[in-house]
Amino acid sequence: FANQKGGVGKSTLAFHCAIALCDAGAQVAVIDLDCGQQSLSYCLENRCRTARFLETELPMPRQVVLQKQNGAQLSQEIARIGSGCDFVIIDLAGQDSLVARFAIGLADKLVTPINCSTIDIDLLGRFHPLTGQLQERGRFAQLVNALNDARQSLGMNRADWIVVKNRVRSA
């Protein structure tokens, strides 16, 4: 779950995805790369506290906050807590970094939540105000495209990139 903008719901969607997969019987590992806020980790800890309070068992993923932010540590944690898991979910901080680029480059599926605002959309692309035609890729889209090109040059498939319109209100 990645977007260079904060506050778009990356951690919230990562949490719900992890819990839904666990509820479906999958083995899930979660790596929180936002060691500053640790929103995803706090949500999972609250779920554990709720389960203890209610004296019930709730399906939970394995989890870790990556304190040392580099590709080697990320690979090590994927191997350690991801061993035997069906899915490894990585929640990135809302900023560009080497470890974020490394994580995006590893991803088979990349989920990018956005809010319906010009600021959010500009990271993906600049669009003509009347026709809606893409005029140029935004900064984050350029990064994702470059990392997908690098994957292809190594003989890997391009990651599936899913952009999710988040916080949609019903009428």
N, C-alpha and C. Protein backbone atom coordinates (compact mmCIF):
# COMPACT_ATOMS: atom_id res chain seq x y z
N PHE A 1 0.87 -1.16 0.00
CA PHE A 1 0.00 0.00 0.00
C PHE A 1 0.91 1.21 0.00
N ALA A 2 0.87 1.97 -1.10
CA ALA A 2 1.83 3.05 -1.26
C ALA A 2 1.21 4.25 -1.96
N ASN A 3 1.59 5.40 -1.49
CA ASN A 3 1.30 6.68 -2.11
C ASN A 3 2.27 7.65 -1.45
N GLN A 4 2.85 8.56 -2.22
CA GLN A 4 3.80 9.50 -1.64
C GLN A 4 3.11 10.57 -0.81
N LYS A 5 1.80 10.61 -0.86
CA LYS A 5 1.04 11.56 -0.07
C LYS A 5 0.51 10.88 1.18
N GLY A 6 0.60 11.55 2.29
CA GLY A 6 0.04 11.01 3.52
C GLY A 6 -1.44 11.32 3.63
N GLY A 7 -2.10 10.63 4.53
CA GLY A 7 -3.50 10.92 4.82
C GLY A 7 -4.50 10.43 3.79
N VAL A 8 -4.10 9.48 2.96
CA VAL A 8 -5.02 8.99 1.92
C VAL A 8 -5.68 7.67 2.30
N GLY A 9 -5.28 7.07 3.42
CA GLY A 9 -5.90 5.84 3.87
C GLY A 9 -5.12 4.57 3.60
N LYS A 10 -3.81 4.69 3.39
CA LYS A 10 -2.99 3.50 3.13
C LYS A 10 -3.08 2.50 4.28
N SER A 11 -2.86 2.97 5.49
CA SER A 11 -2.85 2.07 6.65
C SER A 11 -4.23 1.48 6.90
N THR A 12 -5.26 2.27 6.76
CA THR A 12 -6.62 1.79 6.97
C THR A 12 -6.97 0.69 5.98
N LEU A 13 -6.67 0.91 4.71
CA LEU A 13 -6.96 -0.12 3.71
C LEU A 13 -6.09 -1.35 3.90
N ALA A 14 -4.83 -1.15 4.27
CA ALA A 14 -3.94 -2.29 4.53
C ALA A 14 -4.48 -3.12 5.69
N PHE A 15 -4.96 -2.45 6.75
CA PHE A 15 -5.54 -3.14 7.90
C PHE A 15 -6.75 -3.97 7.48
N HIS A 16 -7.69 -3.35 6.78
CA HIS A 16 -8.90 -4.07 6.39
C HIS A 16 -8.60 -5.23 5.44
N CYS A 17 -7.64 -5.03 4.55
CA CYS A 17 -7.24 -6.10 3.63
C CYS A 17 -6.61 -7.26 4.41
N ALA A 18 -5.72 -6.96 5.34
CA ALA A 18 -5.07 -7.99 6.14
C ALA A 18 -6.09 -8.79 6.94
N ILE A 19 -7.03 -8.09 7.58
CA ILE A 19 -8.02 -8.77 8.41
C ILE A 19 -8.97 -9.59 7.54
N ALA A 20 -9.37 -9.06 6.40
CA ALA A 20 -10.26 -9.82 5.50
C ALA A 20 -9.58 -11.10 5.02
N LEU A 21 -8.30 -11.01 4.69
CA LEU A 21 -7.56 -12.20 4.26
C LEU A 21 -7.43 -13.21 5.40
N CYS A 22 -7.16 -12.71 6.62
CA CYS A 22 -7.09 -13.60 7.79
C CYS A 22 -8.45 -14.27 8.04
N ASP A 23 -9.52 -13.47 7.96
CA ASP A 23 -10.87 -14.01 8.15
C ASP A 23 -11.19 -15.09 7.13
N ALA A 24 -10.62 -14.97 5.93
CA ALA A 24 -10.85 -15.97 4.87
C ALA A 24 -9.96 -17.20 5.04
N GLY A 25 -9.12 -17.19 6.08
CA GLY A 25 -8.29 -18.36 6.35
C GLY A 25 -6.87 -18.28 5.83
N ALA A 26 -6.50 -17.16 5.25
CA ALA A 26 -5.14 -17.01 4.72
C ALA A 26 -4.16 -16.71 5.84
N GLN A 27 -2.92 -17.12 5.64
CA GLN A 27 -1.83 -16.75 6.54
C GLN A 27 -1.26 -15.44 6.01
N VAL A 28 -1.22 -14.41 6.86
CA VAL A 28 -0.86 -13.07 6.42
C VAL A 28 0.24 -12.50 7.31
N ALA A 29 1.21 -11.87 6.68
CA ALA A 29 2.24 -11.11 7.40
C ALA A 29 2.09 -9.64 7.03
N VAL A 30 2.27 -8.77 8.01
CA VAL A 30 2.14 -7.33 7.80
C VAL A 30 3.43 -6.67 8.23
N ILE A 31 3.97 -5.82 7.34
CA ILE A 31 5.18 -5.06 7.66
C ILE A 31 4.84 -3.59 7.57
N ASP A 32 4.99 -2.90 8.68
CA ASP A 32 4.69 -1.47 8.76
C ASP A 32 6.00 -0.71 8.53
N LEU A 33 6.08 -0.01 7.40
CA LEU A 33 7.28 0.76 7.09
C LEU A 33 7.17 2.22 7.53
N ASP A 34 6.07 2.57 8.17
CA ASP A 34 5.92 3.93 8.68
C ASP A 34 6.24 3.90 10.17
N CYS A 35 7.56 3.82 10.47
CA CYS A 35 7.97 3.68 11.87
C CYS A 35 7.73 4.96 12.67
N GLY A 36 7.40 6.06 12.01
CA GLY A 36 7.06 7.29 12.72
C GLY A 36 5.66 7.23 13.29
N GLN A 37 4.67 7.00 12.44
CA GLN A 37 3.27 6.96 12.89
C GLN A 37 2.83 5.58 13.35
N GLN A 38 3.24 4.54 12.66
CA GLN A 38 2.87 3.15 12.99
C GLN A 38 1.36 2.97 13.09
N SER A 39 0.61 3.62 12.22
CA SER A 39 -0.86 3.55 12.27
C SER A 39 -1.36 2.12 12.12
N LEU A 40 -0.80 1.38 11.17
CA LEU A 40 -1.25 0.02 10.96
C LEU A 40 -0.97 -0.85 12.18
N SER A 41 0.19 -0.71 12.74
CA SER A 41 0.55 -1.50 13.93
C SER A 41 -0.36 -1.17 15.10
N TYR A 42 -0.69 0.11 15.29
CA TYR A 42 -1.59 0.49 16.38
C TYR A 42 -2.98 -0.09 16.18
N CYS A 43 -3.46 -0.12 14.94
CA CYS A 43 -4.77 -0.72 14.66
C CYS A 43 -4.76 -2.21 15.01
N LEU A 44 -3.70 -2.89 14.64
CA LEU A 44 -3.60 -4.33 14.95
C LEU A 44 -3.47 -4.57 16.45
N GLU A 45 -2.73 -3.71 17.14
CA GLU A 45 -2.62 -3.83 18.60
C GLU A 45 -3.98 -3.61 19.27
N ASN A 46 -4.75 -2.64 18.76
CA ASN A 46 -6.09 -2.40 19.31
C ASN A 46 -6.99 -3.60 19.09
N ARG A 47 -6.84 -4.25 17.95
CA ARG A 47 -7.63 -5.47 17.69
C ARG A 47 -7.27 -6.57 18.69
N CYS A 48 -5.98 -6.71 18.99
CA CYS A 48 -5.54 -7.70 20.00
C CYS A 48 -6.12 -7.36 21.38
N ARG A 49 -6.07 -6.08 21.76
CA ARG A 49 -6.61 -5.67 23.06
C ARG A 49 -8.12 -5.93 23.13
N THR A 50 -8.81 -5.67 22.03
CA THR A 50 -10.25 -5.92 21.98
C THR A 50 -10.54 -7.40 22.16
N ALA A 51 -9.77 -8.25 21.48
CA ALA A 51 -9.96 -9.69 21.60
C ALA A 51 -9.74 -10.15 23.04
N ARG A 52 -8.70 -9.62 23.69
CA ARG A 52 -8.45 -9.98 25.10
C ARG A 52 -9.59 -9.51 25.99
N PHE A 53 -10.04 -8.28 25.78
CA PHE A 53 -11.13 -7.72 26.58
C PHE A 53 -12.40 -8.55 26.42
N LEU A 54 -12.70 -8.97 25.20
CA LEU A 54 -13.91 -9.75 24.93
C LEU A 54 -13.71 -11.25 25.20
N GLU A 55 -12.48 -11.59 25.56
CA GLU A 55 -12.12 -12.99 25.82
C GLU A 55 -12.52 -13.88 24.64
N THR A 56 -12.08 -13.46 23.46
CA THR A 56 -12.36 -14.21 22.24
C THR A 56 -11.12 -14.24 21.38
N GLU A 57 -11.12 -15.12 20.43
CA GLU A 57 -10.02 -15.20 19.47
C GLU A 57 -10.44 -14.50 18.20
N LEU A 58 -9.59 -13.65 17.70
CA LEU A 58 -9.81 -12.99 16.42
C LEU A 58 -8.64 -13.33 15.50
N PRO A 59 -8.93 -13.65 14.24
CA PRO A 59 -7.82 -13.92 13.32
C PRO A 59 -6.90 -12.70 13.21
N MET A 60 -5.60 -12.96 13.31
CA MET A 60 -4.62 -11.88 13.28
C MET A 60 -3.46 -12.23 12.37
N PRO A 61 -2.93 -11.23 11.66
CA PRO A 61 -1.71 -11.47 10.89
C PRO A 61 -0.49 -11.42 11.80
N ARG A 62 0.62 -11.95 11.31
CA ARG A 62 1.91 -11.71 11.95
C ARG A 62 2.26 -10.27 11.62
N GLN A 63 2.96 -9.59 12.50
CA GLN A 63 3.27 -8.19 12.21
C GLN A 63 4.62 -7.76 12.75
N VAL A 64 5.17 -6.75 12.10
CA VAL A 64 6.42 -6.16 12.56
C VAL A 64 6.48 -4.72 12.03
N VAL A 65 7.09 -3.84 12.81
CA VAL A 65 7.42 -2.49 12.37
C VAL A 65 8.89 -2.52 11.99
N LEU A 66 9.20 -2.11 10.78
CA LEU A 66 10.60 -2.13 10.34
C LEU A 66 11.30 -0.89 10.87
N GLN A 67 12.14 -1.07 11.87
CA GLN A 67 12.84 0.06 12.49
C GLN A 67 14.04 0.50 11.67
N LYS A 68 14.79 -0.47 11.12
CA LYS A 68 15.94 -0.14 10.28
C LYS A 68 15.45 -0.11 8.85
N GLN A 69 15.41 1.06 8.29
CA GLN A 69 14.78 1.29 6.99
C GLN A 69 15.75 1.12 5.83
N ASN A 70 15.95 -0.14 5.41
CA ASN A 70 16.75 -0.39 4.21
C ASN A 70 16.26 -1.68 3.56
N GLY A 71 16.66 -1.86 2.31
CA GLY A 71 16.21 -3.01 1.54
C GLY A 71 16.62 -4.35 2.13
N ALA A 72 17.83 -4.41 2.69
CA ALA A 72 18.30 -5.67 3.28
C ALA A 72 17.43 -6.05 4.48
N GLN A 73 17.11 -5.09 5.34
CA GLN A 73 16.27 -5.37 6.50
C GLN A 73 14.86 -5.76 6.07
N LEU A 74 14.34 -5.08 5.05
CA LEU A 74 13.00 -5.42 4.55
C LEU A 74 12.99 -6.84 4.01
N SER A 75 13.98 -7.20 3.22
CA SER A 75 14.06 -8.56 2.69
C SER A 75 14.15 -9.58 3.81
N GLN A 76 14.92 -9.25 4.83
CA GLN A 76 15.08 -10.16 5.96
C GLN A 76 13.75 -10.36 6.70
N GLU A 77 13.01 -9.29 6.90
CA GLU A 77 11.72 -9.40 7.59
C GLU A 77 10.68 -10.12 6.74
N ILE A 78 10.71 -9.90 5.44
CA ILE A 78 9.79 -10.63 4.56
C ILE A 78 10.06 -12.13 4.68
N ALA A 79 11.33 -12.51 4.69
CA ALA A 79 11.69 -13.92 4.82
C ALA A 79 11.34 -14.45 6.21
N ARG A 80 11.56 -13.62 7.23
CA ARG A 80 11.33 -14.08 8.61
C ARG A 80 9.84 -14.21 8.92
N ILE A 81 9.08 -13.12 8.85
CA ILE A 81 7.67 -13.23 9.26
C ILE A 81 6.78 -13.68 8.11
N GLY A 82 7.27 -13.56 6.88
CA GLY A 82 6.48 -13.99 5.74
C GLY A 82 6.60 -15.46 5.43
N SER A 83 7.51 -16.15 6.10
CA SER A 83 7.71 -17.58 5.87
C SER A 83 6.41 -18.34 6.14
N GLY A 84 5.96 -19.07 5.15
CA GLY A 84 4.74 -19.85 5.29
C GLY A 84 3.46 -19.05 5.11
N CYS A 85 3.58 -17.77 4.81
CA CYS A 85 2.39 -16.94 4.63
C CYS A 85 1.92 -16.95 3.17
N ASP A 86 0.63 -16.78 3.02
CA ASP A 86 0.04 -16.67 1.69
C ASP A 86 0.20 -15.26 1.13
N PHE A 87 0.22 -14.27 2.03
CA PHE A 87 0.30 -12.87 1.63
C PHE A 87 1.23 -12.11 2.58
N VAL A 88 2.00 -11.18 2.02
CA VAL A 88 2.78 -10.23 2.81
C VAL A 88 2.29 -8.85 2.41
N ILE A 89 1.77 -8.12 3.37
CA ILE A 89 1.26 -6.77 3.14
C ILE A 89 2.26 -5.78 3.72
N ILE A 90 2.64 -4.82 2.90
CA ILE A 90 3.59 -3.80 3.33
C ILE A 90 2.90 -2.45 3.26
N ASP A 91 2.91 -1.73 4.37
CA ASP A 91 2.30 -0.40 4.46
C ASP A 91 3.42 0.63 4.49
N LEU A 92 3.46 1.48 3.46
CA LEU A 92 4.53 2.47 3.34
C LEU A 92 4.13 3.82 3.94
N ALA A 93 5.12 4.57 4.36
CA ALA A 93 4.89 5.94 4.81
C ALA A 93 4.55 6.80 3.59
N GLY A 94 3.93 7.93 3.83
CA GLY A 94 3.53 8.83 2.74
C GLY A 94 4.66 9.73 2.29
N GLN A 95 5.76 9.13 1.88
CA GLN A 95 6.91 9.90 1.40
C GLN A 95 7.79 9.01 0.54
N ASP A 96 8.62 9.64 -0.24
CA ASP A 96 9.57 8.92 -1.07
C ASP A 96 10.79 8.57 -0.22
N SER A 97 11.27 7.34 -0.37
CA SER A 97 12.49 6.92 0.32
C SER A 97 13.05 5.72 -0.43
N LEU A 98 14.30 5.40 -0.14
CA LEU A 98 14.92 4.24 -0.79
C LEU A 98 14.21 2.95 -0.42
N VAL A 99 13.83 2.79 0.84
CA VAL A 99 13.15 1.56 1.24
C VAL A 99 11.75 1.48 0.63
N ALA A 100 11.10 2.63 0.46
CA ALA A 100 9.78 2.64 -0.21
C ALA A 100 9.93 2.20 -1.66
N ARG A 101 10.94 2.72 -2.33
CA ARG A 101 11.18 2.32 -3.72
C ARG A 101 11.50 0.83 -3.81
N PHE A 102 12.28 0.34 -2.85
CA PHE A 102 12.62 -1.08 -2.82
C PHE A 102 11.35 -1.92 -2.65
N ALA A 103 10.48 -1.51 -1.71
CA ALA A 103 9.24 -2.24 -1.46
C ALA A 103 8.32 -2.22 -2.68
N ILE A 104 8.19 -1.08 -3.30
CA ILE A 104 7.35 -0.97 -4.50
C ILE A 104 7.92 -1.86 -5.61
N GLY A 105 9.24 -1.88 -5.74
CA GLY A 105 9.88 -2.72 -6.74
C GLY A 105 9.67 -4.21 -6.51
N LEU A 106 9.47 -4.62 -5.25
CA LEU A 106 9.23 -6.03 -4.91
C LEU A 106 7.78 -6.45 -5.12
N ALA A 107 6.88 -5.49 -5.08
CA ALA A 107 5.45 -5.80 -5.02
C ALA A 107 4.93 -6.48 -6.29
N ASP A 108 4.13 -7.52 -6.07
CA ASP A 108 3.39 -8.13 -7.18
C ASP A 108 2.12 -7.32 -7.45
N LYS A 109 1.55 -6.77 -6.38
CA LYS A 109 0.38 -5.92 -6.48
C LYS A 109 0.66 -4.66 -5.68
N LEU A 110 0.39 -3.52 -6.28
CA LEU A 110 0.59 -2.24 -5.62
C LEU A 110 -0.76 -1.57 -5.51
N VAL A 111 -1.16 -1.23 -4.29
CA VAL A 111 -2.44 -0.56 -4.06
C VAL A 111 -2.14 0.88 -3.65
N THR A 112 -2.70 1.82 -4.40
CA THR A 112 -2.51 3.24 -4.12
C THR A 112 -3.85 3.89 -3.87
N PRO A 113 -4.17 4.16 -2.60
CA PRO A 113 -5.40 4.90 -2.33
C PRO A 113 -5.21 6.38 -2.61
N ILE A 114 -6.27 7.00 -3.12
CA ILE A 114 -6.25 8.45 -3.31
C ILE A 114 -7.58 9.02 -2.84
N ASN A 115 -7.53 10.25 -2.38
CA ASN A 115 -8.74 11.00 -2.10
C ASN A 115 -9.11 11.77 -3.36
N CYS A 116 -10.32 12.18 -3.44
CA CYS A 116 -10.77 12.93 -4.63
C CYS A 116 -10.40 14.40 -4.49
N SER A 117 -9.13 14.69 -4.68
CA SER A 117 -8.66 16.07 -4.64
C SER A 117 -7.59 16.25 -5.71
N THR A 118 -7.43 17.46 -6.15
CA THR A 118 -6.43 17.77 -7.16
C THR A 118 -5.03 17.41 -6.67
N ILE A 119 -4.77 17.63 -5.39
CA ILE A 119 -3.45 17.35 -4.84
C ILE A 119 -3.14 15.85 -4.95
N ASP A 120 -4.12 15.01 -4.62
CA ASP A 120 -3.91 13.56 -4.70
C ASP A 120 -3.72 13.11 -6.14
N ILE A 121 -4.56 13.62 -7.02
CA ILE A 121 -4.54 13.19 -8.42
C ILE A 121 -3.27 13.66 -9.12
N ASP A 122 -2.73 14.83 -8.73
CA ASP A 122 -1.52 15.35 -9.36
C ASP A 122 -0.32 14.40 -9.20
N LEU A 123 -0.28 13.61 -8.14
CA LEU A 123 0.82 12.65 -7.99
C LEU A 123 0.74 11.54 -9.04
N LEU A 124 -0.47 11.33 -9.56
CA LEU A 124 -0.65 10.30 -10.59
C LEU A 124 -0.54 10.87 -11.99
N GLY A 125 -1.03 12.08 -12.18
CA GLY A 125 -0.95 12.67 -13.51
C GLY A 125 -1.59 14.04 -13.56
N ARG A 126 -1.20 14.76 -14.60
CA ARG A 126 -1.81 16.07 -14.88
C ARG A 126 -2.79 15.87 -16.02
N PHE A 127 -4.02 16.27 -15.78
CA PHE A 127 -5.08 16.05 -16.76
C PHE A 127 -5.60 17.37 -17.28
N HIS A 128 -5.99 17.38 -18.55
CA HIS A 128 -6.58 18.57 -19.15
C HIS A 128 -7.90 18.86 -18.43
N PRO A 129 -8.12 20.11 -18.00
CA PRO A 129 -9.31 20.40 -17.21
C PRO A 129 -10.64 20.22 -17.95
N LEU A 130 -10.63 20.31 -19.27
CA LEU A 130 -11.88 20.18 -20.03
C LEU A 130 -12.07 18.79 -20.62
N THR A 131 -11.01 18.24 -21.17
CA THR A 131 -11.15 16.95 -21.85
C THR A 131 -10.88 15.76 -20.91
N GLY A 132 -10.16 16.01 -19.82
CA GLY A 132 -9.81 14.92 -18.92
C GLY A 132 -8.68 14.05 -19.45
N GLN A 133 -8.10 14.43 -20.58
CA GLN A 133 -7.00 13.65 -21.16
C GLN A 133 -5.72 13.83 -20.34
N LEU A 134 -5.00 12.73 -20.19
CA LEU A 134 -3.73 12.78 -19.47
C LEU A 134 -2.75 13.62 -20.27
N GLN A 135 -2.17 14.64 -19.63
CA GLN A 135 -1.17 15.49 -20.28
C GLN A 135 0.24 15.02 -19.95
N GLU A 136 0.45 14.62 -18.71
CA GLU A 136 1.75 14.06 -18.31
C GLU A 136 1.57 13.25 -17.04
N ARG A 137 2.43 12.25 -16.88
CA ARG A 137 2.40 11.46 -15.66
C ARG A 137 2.87 12.30 -14.49
N GLY A 138 2.27 12.04 -13.35
CA GLY A 138 2.69 12.70 -12.12
C GLY A 138 3.93 12.04 -11.55
N ARG A 139 4.47 12.64 -10.53
CA ARG A 139 5.73 12.20 -9.92
C ARG A 139 5.65 10.74 -9.44
N PHE A 140 4.59 10.38 -8.75
CA PHE A 140 4.48 9.01 -8.23
C PHE A 140 4.26 8.02 -9.37
N ALA A 141 3.46 8.39 -10.35
CA ALA A 141 3.23 7.51 -11.51
C ALA A 141 4.53 7.28 -12.28
N GLN A 142 5.36 8.31 -12.40
CA GLN A 142 6.65 8.16 -13.07
C GLN A 142 7.53 7.17 -12.30
N LEU A 143 7.52 7.25 -10.98
CA LEU A 143 8.30 6.34 -10.15
C LEU A 143 7.82 4.90 -10.32
N VAL A 144 6.51 4.69 -10.22
CA VAL A 144 5.95 3.34 -10.36
C VAL A 144 6.27 2.78 -11.74
N ASN A 145 6.13 3.60 -12.77
CA ASN A 145 6.43 3.15 -14.12
C ASN A 145 7.91 2.77 -14.27
N ALA A 146 8.80 3.58 -13.71
CA ALA A 146 10.24 3.29 -13.79
C ALA A 146 10.57 1.99 -13.06
N LEU A 147 9.96 1.78 -11.90
CA LEU A 147 10.22 0.54 -11.15
C LEU A 147 9.64 -0.67 -11.87
N ASN A 148 8.50 -0.50 -12.52
CA ASN A 148 7.94 -1.59 -13.33
C ASN A 148 8.82 -1.89 -14.54
N ASP A 149 9.37 -0.84 -15.15
CA ASP A 149 10.31 -1.05 -16.27
C ASP A 149 11.54 -1.83 -15.80
N ALA A 150 12.04 -1.50 -14.60
CA ALA A 150 13.20 -2.20 -14.05
C ALA A 150 12.86 -3.67 -13.79
N ARG A 151 11.66 -3.93 -13.29
CA ARG A 151 11.23 -5.32 -13.08
C ARG A 151 11.24 -6.08 -14.40
N GLN A 152 10.70 -5.45 -15.43
CA GLN A 152 10.65 -6.11 -16.74
C GLN A 152 12.04 -6.39 -17.27
N SER A 153 12.96 -5.45 -17.07
CA SER A 153 14.32 -5.64 -17.58
C SER A 153 15.01 -6.81 -16.88
N LEU A 154 14.52 -7.18 -15.69
CA LEU A 154 15.07 -8.32 -14.95
C LEU A 154 14.30 -9.62 -15.24
N GLY A 155 13.37 -9.54 -16.20
CA GLY A 155 12.59 -10.72 -16.57
C GLY A 155 11.40 -10.97 -15.67
N MET A 156 11.05 -10.00 -14.83
CA MET A 156 9.89 -10.14 -13.94
C MET A 156 8.67 -9.49 -14.59
N ASN A 157 7.50 -9.93 -14.17
CA ASN A 157 6.27 -9.30 -14.63
C ASN A 157 6.11 -7.94 -13.99
N ARG A 158 5.44 -7.05 -14.70
CA ARG A 158 5.11 -5.75 -14.13
C ARG A 158 4.13 -5.97 -12.98
N ALA A 159 4.22 -5.18 -11.94
CA ALA A 159 3.29 -5.27 -10.82
C ALA A 159 1.91 -4.79 -11.28
N ASP A 160 0.88 -5.44 -10.77
CA ASP A 160 -0.48 -4.94 -10.99
C ASP A 160 -0.64 -3.71 -10.11
N TRP A 161 -1.00 -2.58 -10.71
CA TRP A 161 -1.15 -1.34 -9.96
C TRP A 161 -2.63 -1.02 -9.86
N ILE A 162 -3.12 -0.98 -8.64
CA ILE A 162 -4.53 -0.72 -8.38
C ILE A 162 -4.64 0.62 -7.67
N VAL A 163 -5.31 1.57 -8.31
CA VAL A 163 -5.55 2.88 -7.70
C VAL A 163 -6.98 2.86 -7.16
N VAL A 164 -7.11 3.14 -5.86
CA VAL A 164 -8.39 3.04 -5.18
C VAL A 164 -8.87 4.43 -4.77
N LYS A 165 -10.03 4.81 -5.26
CA LYS A 165 -10.64 6.07 -4.83
C LYS A 165 -11.18 5.82 -3.42
N ASN A 166 -10.64 6.53 -2.46
CA ASN A 166 -10.94 6.29 -1.05
C ASN A 166 -11.81 7.42 -0.48
N ARG A 167 -12.47 7.11 0.59
CA ARG A 167 -13.32 8.07 1.31
C ARG A 167 -14.40 8.66 0.40
N VAL A 168 -15.11 7.79 -0.26
CA VAL A 168 -16.20 8.20 -1.15
C VAL A 168 -17.47 8.28 -0.34
N ARG A 169 -18.16 9.38 -0.44
CA ARG A 169 -19.41 9.56 0.29
C ARG A 169 -20.59 9.21 -0.60
N SER A 170 -21.56 8.55 -0.01
CA SER A 170 -22.77 8.26 -0.80
C SER A 170 -23.71 9.45 -0.69
N ALA A 171 -24.55 9.59 -1.71
CA ALA A 171 -25.46 10.75 -1.75
C ALA A 171 -26.61 10.58 -0.80
